[in-house]
Amino acid sequence: MLVRQGDELDQVSLCLSGSFRVMINSADGQDMLLRFLEPGELFGLPSMFAGVAFPTDVICERDGETLSVSKMALEKLLVDRPILAIRLIESLSIRVAELFSLIEATLLQTLRQRVHLRLIVLANIHGDRFSDGSVRLSLSQQDFARAVSYHFAPRTSPQINKGVASLS
């Protein structure tokens, strides 16, 4: 585990290689897969800049490397290279949009609606697109169940499978 929910961070990390699972855990032990971090993505910005505890677990999914950058070094880099600040704002804006999609998905009443929305979000973020318009999403049933469920209404893989089948 790279970072635990509740950790205090004084640095930001950049994924250089591999894949990292981002999970959130509820007090009753339920966990939810939020997303995967891929090479080129940062994590820890809100915690470092706002001085708040890290909200999730970050777990190495496949052998990977990260580069950690201190707050002071990142601030200097952003002052020296303003285009990086713009790219950072773009990245954070995408994350905020993902967060709103996740909130919307958890508020939807039916499992079918949650399955549909999470499939779209996960495919847009992590899907491999092909020239015929199809998208392949490499995700285990258990991970997809974790991505669809939330601690107010946890779902099992068979329930999620029924939700996926209902989309056909």
Protein backbone atom coordinates (compact mmCIF):
# COMPACT_ATOMS: atom_id res chain seq x y z
CA MET A 1 0.00 0.00 0.00
CA LEU A 2 1.46 3.32 -1.09
CA VAL A 3 -0.81 5.64 0.89
CA ARG A 4 -3.42 4.84 3.53
CA GLN A 5 -6.68 6.65 4.03
CA GLY A 6 -6.02 9.20 6.79
CA ASP A 7 -2.30 9.67 6.08
CA GLU A 8 -0.93 13.22 6.27
CA LEU A 9 1.04 14.13 3.13
CA ASP A 10 3.67 16.82 2.68
CA GLN A 11 4.39 15.85 -0.91
CA VAL A 12 2.66 15.03 -4.16
CA SER A 13 3.42 11.86 -6.11
CA LEU A 14 3.59 11.27 -9.84
CA CYS A 15 2.92 7.79 -11.22
CA LEU A 16 5.84 6.93 -13.49
CA SER A 17 4.93 3.35 -14.35
CA GLY A 18 2.51 0.62 -13.36
CA SER A 19 -1.08 0.97 -12.22
CA PHE A 20 -2.41 2.02 -8.84
CA ARG A 21 -5.83 1.22 -7.41
CA VAL A 22 -7.62 4.03 -5.53
CA MET A 23 -10.01 2.67 -2.88
CA ILE A 24 -12.16 4.32 -0.24
CA ASN A 25 -13.21 2.47 2.90
CA SER A 26 -16.23 3.02 5.09
CA ALA A 27 -16.34 2.57 8.86
CA ASP A 28 -18.26 -0.70 8.45
CA GLY A 29 -15.49 -2.26 6.34
CA GLN A 30 -17.05 -1.84 2.89
CA ASP A 31 -14.64 -0.67 0.24
CA MET A 32 -15.26 1.00 -3.09
CA LEU A 33 -12.98 1.17 -6.10
CA LEU A 34 -12.90 4.78 -7.25
CA ARG A 35 -10.43 4.58 -10.12
CA PHE A 36 -7.01 3.47 -11.25
CA LEU A 37 -4.05 5.83 -11.50
CA GLU A 38 -1.94 5.37 -14.61
CA PRO A 39 1.51 6.71 -15.60
CA GLY A 40 1.53 10.49 -15.79
CA GLU A 41 -1.14 11.00 -13.13
CA LEU A 42 -0.57 12.82 -9.85
CA PHE A 43 -2.01 12.03 -6.47
CA GLY A 44 -1.90 13.82 -3.14
CA LEU A 45 -2.44 17.39 -4.37
CA PRO A 46 -5.54 18.27 -2.31
CA SER A 47 -4.08 16.68 0.82
CA MET A 48 -0.74 18.43 0.43
CA PHE A 49 -2.07 21.88 -0.47
CA ALA A 50 -5.09 21.88 1.87
CA GLY A 51 -3.29 20.11 4.71
CA VAL A 52 -6.05 17.53 5.11
CA ALA A 53 -5.79 13.78 5.61
CA PHE A 54 -5.54 11.67 2.46
CA PRO A 55 -9.08 10.47 1.67
CA THR A 56 -8.32 7.08 0.08
CA ASP A 57 -5.98 4.12 -0.04
CA VAL A 58 -3.60 3.96 -3.01
CA ILE A 59 -2.49 0.41 -3.71
CA CYS A 60 0.01 -0.70 -6.34
CA GLU A 61 -1.94 -2.86 -8.81
CA ARG A 62 1.00 -3.73 -11.10
CA ASP A 63 4.68 -3.16 -10.42
CA GLY A 64 5.09 0.55 -10.57
CA GLU A 65 7.22 3.51 -9.69
CA THR A 66 6.31 6.93 -8.37
CA LEU A 67 8.20 10.18 -8.02
CA SER A 68 7.51 12.26 -4.91
CA VAL A 69 7.82 16.04 -5.03
CA SER A 70 7.77 18.31 -1.98
CA LYS A 71 5.29 21.17 -1.72
CA MET A 72 8.10 23.74 -1.93
CA ALA A 73 9.62 22.13 -5.03
CA LEU A 74 6.22 21.88 -6.75
CA GLU A 75 5.36 25.51 -5.97
CA LYS A 76 8.70 26.64 -7.44
CA LEU A 77 8.14 24.50 -10.53
CA LEU A 78 4.65 25.97 -11.04
CA VAL A 79 5.98 29.54 -10.69
CA ASP A 80 8.85 28.86 -13.11
CA ARG A 81 6.64 27.03 -15.64
CA PRO A 82 3.10 28.46 -15.68
CA ILE A 83 1.98 26.00 -18.36
CA LEU A 84 2.38 23.26 -15.75
CA ALA A 85 -0.03 25.14 -13.48
CA ILE A 86 -2.57 25.18 -16.32
CA ARG A 87 -2.12 21.43 -16.87
CA LEU A 88 -2.54 20.88 -13.13
CA ILE A 89 -5.80 22.85 -13.14
CA GLU A 90 -7.00 20.78 -16.11
CA SER A 91 -6.14 17.56 -14.28
CA LEU A 92 -7.90 18.65 -11.09
CA SER A 93 -10.94 19.76 -13.11
CA ILE A 94 -11.20 16.28 -14.61
CA ARG A 95 -11.01 14.77 -11.12
CA VAL A 96 -13.76 17.10 -9.87
CA ALA A 97 -15.96 16.05 -12.81
CA GLU A 98 -15.26 12.39 -11.96
CA LEU A 99 -16.20 13.07 -8.35
CA PHE A 100 -19.52 14.63 -9.37
CA SER A 101 -20.22 11.61 -11.59
CA LEU A 102 -19.49 9.34 -8.65
CA ILE A 103 -21.80 11.33 -6.39
CA GLU A 104 -24.51 11.18 -9.04
CA ALA A 105 -24.04 7.42 -9.34
CA THR A 106 -24.37 6.89 -5.60
CA LEU A 107 -27.56 8.95 -5.49
CA LEU A 108 -29.26 7.11 -8.34
CA GLN A 109 -31.98 4.82 -7.09
CA THR A 110 -31.61 1.73 -9.24
CA LEU A 111 -28.72 -0.65 -9.59
CA ARG A 112 -29.19 -0.53 -13.37
CA GLN A 113 -28.65 3.25 -13.36
CA ARG A 114 -25.51 2.95 -11.21
CA VAL A 115 -24.09 0.16 -13.39
CA HIS A 116 -24.75 2.18 -16.54
CA LEU A 117 -23.13 5.37 -15.25
CA ARG A 118 -20.07 3.63 -13.74
CA LEU A 119 -19.52 1.70 -16.98
CA ILE A 120 -19.48 4.97 -18.91
CA VAL A 121 -17.14 6.69 -16.45
CA LEU A 122 -14.73 3.75 -16.17
CA ALA A 123 -14.70 3.21 -19.95
CA ASN A 124 -13.94 6.89 -20.54
CA ILE A 125 -11.09 6.89 -18.04
CA HIS A 126 -9.58 3.43 -18.42
CA GLY A 127 -11.08 1.87 -21.56
CA ASP A 128 -9.08 0.85 -24.61
CA ARG A 129 -10.84 2.31 -27.66
CA PHE A 130 -10.87 0.55 -31.02
CA SER A 131 -11.45 1.89 -34.54
CA ASP A 132 -14.85 0.16 -34.76
CA GLY A 133 -16.09 2.26 -31.82
CA SER A 134 -15.95 -0.53 -29.27
CA VAL A 135 -14.25 -0.13 -25.90
CA ARG A 136 -12.52 -2.82 -23.86
CA LEU A 137 -12.47 -2.35 -20.11
CA SER A 138 -10.06 -4.72 -18.35
CA LEU A 139 -11.61 -5.02 -14.92
CA SER A 140 -12.41 -8.05 -12.78
CA GLN A 141 -16.02 -8.68 -11.71
CA GLN A 142 -15.02 -8.02 -8.11
CA ASP A 143 -13.43 -4.68 -9.00
CA PHE A 144 -16.45 -3.66 -11.05
CA ALA A 145 -18.74 -4.61 -8.16
CA ARG A 146 -16.58 -2.43 -5.90
CA ALA A 147 -16.78 0.42 -8.41
CA VAL A 148 -20.59 0.26 -8.53
CA SER A 149 -21.31 -0.29 -4.85
CA TYR A 150 -21.11 2.17 -2.03
CA HIS A 151 -21.38 1.64 1.71
CA PHE A 152 -25.03 2.72 1.94
CA ALA A 153 -26.11 -0.10 -0.37
CA PRO A 154 -23.30 -2.61 -0.92
CA ARG A 155 -23.82 -5.00 -3.81
CA THR A 156 -22.41 -8.40 -4.52
CA SER A 157 -20.95 -9.52 -7.84
CA PRO A 158 -24.08 -11.56 -8.79
CA GLN A 159 -26.27 -8.47 -8.27
CA ILE A 160 -23.89 -6.40 -10.36
CA ASN A 161 -23.91 -9.08 -13.09
CA LYS A 162 -27.72 -8.83 -13.19
CA GLY A 163 -27.41 -5.06 -13.48
CA VAL A 164 -25.01 -5.40 -16.41
CA ALA A 165 -27.27 -7.98 -18.09
CA SER A 166 -30.24 -5.61 -17.76
CA LEU A 167 -28.42 -3.09 -19.99
CA SER A 168 -28.50 -5.47 -22.97
